[in-house]
Protein backbone atom coordinates (compact mmCIF):
# COMPACT_ATOMS: atom_id res chain seq x y z
CA MET A 1 -6.60 -7.72 -7.01
CA ASP A 2 -6.57 -10.98 -8.99
CA GLN A 3 -9.07 -9.69 -11.68
CA CYS A 4 -7.01 -6.56 -11.88
CA ILE A 5 -3.89 -8.54 -12.69
CA GLU A 6 -5.70 -10.85 -15.08
CA PHE A 7 -6.87 -7.77 -16.96
CA LEU A 8 -3.63 -6.23 -17.21
CA LEU A 9 -1.92 -9.34 -18.48
CA GLN A 10 -4.66 -9.82 -21.04
CA HIS A 11 -3.65 -6.35 -22.52
CA GLU A 12 0.00 -6.14 -21.82
CA LYS A 13 2.85 -8.74 -21.91
CA SER A 14 4.27 -8.20 -18.54
CA ILE A 15 3.97 -6.40 -15.22
CA ASP A 16 7.26 -4.35 -15.13
CA VAL A 17 6.56 -2.00 -12.20
CA VAL A 18 4.09 -1.60 -9.31
CA ILE A 19 4.05 1.39 -7.31
CA ASN A 20 2.40 1.19 -3.81
CA ASN A 21 1.25 4.75 -3.14
CA ALA A 22 -2.14 4.33 -1.50
CA GLY A 23 -2.26 5.61 2.20
CA PHE A 24 -3.99 7.94 4.39
CA GLY A 25 -3.34 9.64 7.73
CA ILE A 26 -5.61 10.47 10.49
CA VAL A 27 -5.91 13.83 11.97
CA GLY A 28 -6.63 14.30 15.64
CA ALA A 29 -5.34 13.60 19.12
CA ILE A 30 -4.72 9.82 19.73
CA GLU A 31 -7.45 9.75 22.61
CA ASP A 32 -9.85 11.25 19.99
CA CYS A 33 -9.44 8.46 17.43
CA SER A 34 -11.11 5.10 17.63
CA ILE A 35 -9.67 1.66 17.44
CA GLU A 36 -11.74 1.22 14.18
CA GLU A 37 -10.02 4.15 12.55
CA PHE A 38 -6.74 2.91 13.45
CA LYS A 39 -7.54 -0.49 12.10
CA GLN A 40 -8.88 1.02 8.80
CA GLN A 41 -5.64 2.91 8.54
CA PHE A 42 -3.48 -0.11 9.24
CA GLU A 43 -5.61 -2.24 6.63
CA THR A 44 -4.76 0.43 3.87
CA ASN A 45 -1.17 1.64 4.79
CA PHE A 46 0.32 -1.70 5.91
CA PHE A 47 -1.68 -4.64 4.73
CA GLY A 48 -2.56 -3.13 1.32
CA VAL A 49 1.03 -2.78 0.49
CA ILE A 50 1.50 -6.47 1.37
CA ARG A 51 -1.68 -7.58 -0.70
CA VAL A 52 -0.49 -5.69 -3.92
CA SER A 53 3.02 -7.00 -3.57
CA GLN A 54 1.79 -10.54 -2.98
CA SER A 55 -0.50 -10.37 -5.80
CA VAL A 56 2.25 -9.31 -8.54
CA LEU A 57 5.07 -11.27 -7.22
CA PRO A 58 4.14 -14.59 -8.76
CA GLN A 59 3.97 -12.82 -12.29
CA MET A 60 7.30 -11.03 -11.72
CA ARG A 61 9.03 -14.17 -10.66
CA LYS A 62 7.56 -15.89 -13.78
CA GLN A 63 8.95 -13.03 -15.95
CA GLY A 64 12.22 -13.00 -14.18
CA TYR A 65 12.05 -9.16 -13.68
CA GLY A 66 10.01 -6.48 -12.07
CA HIS A 67 10.20 -3.78 -9.59
CA ILE A 68 7.86 -2.90 -6.53
CA ILE A 69 8.37 0.77 -5.34
CA THR A 70 6.69 1.70 -2.16
CA ILE A 71 6.07 5.34 -1.23
CA GLY A 72 5.96 6.10 2.43
CA SER A 73 5.12 9.13 4.47
CA ILE A 74 7.05 11.97 6.11
CA ALA A 75 5.05 11.04 8.98
CA GLY A 76 7.33 8.17 9.58
CA LEU A 77 10.21 10.41 10.09
CA MET A 78 8.82 13.21 12.01
CA SER A 79 5.86 13.97 14.42
CA VAL A 80 3.21 16.44 13.66
CA PRO A 81 1.01 17.76 16.37
CA PHE A 82 -2.58 16.25 16.44
CA GLN A 83 -1.48 13.59 13.97
CA GLY A 84 -0.22 10.94 16.20
CA ALA A 85 -1.88 8.25 14.08
CA SER A 86 -0.06 9.04 10.98
């Protein structure tokens, strides 16, 4: 993450916008999914957003501006059969 931000700042003057859009769902009944699959999903969908945001915030604070946009999933609003992990 740090290398990416350094690279960007070498080529651009600022980081104006970051869009958190990475994520994935798991298809299958809860009892058929492993704890490891759930952990991998949480690492990406939750901690990934935090990591990216924490990485860019110091630069955005230094600049005095910037936007972080996080795109969620419809799965957070409604359930879908056999996607209980989403």
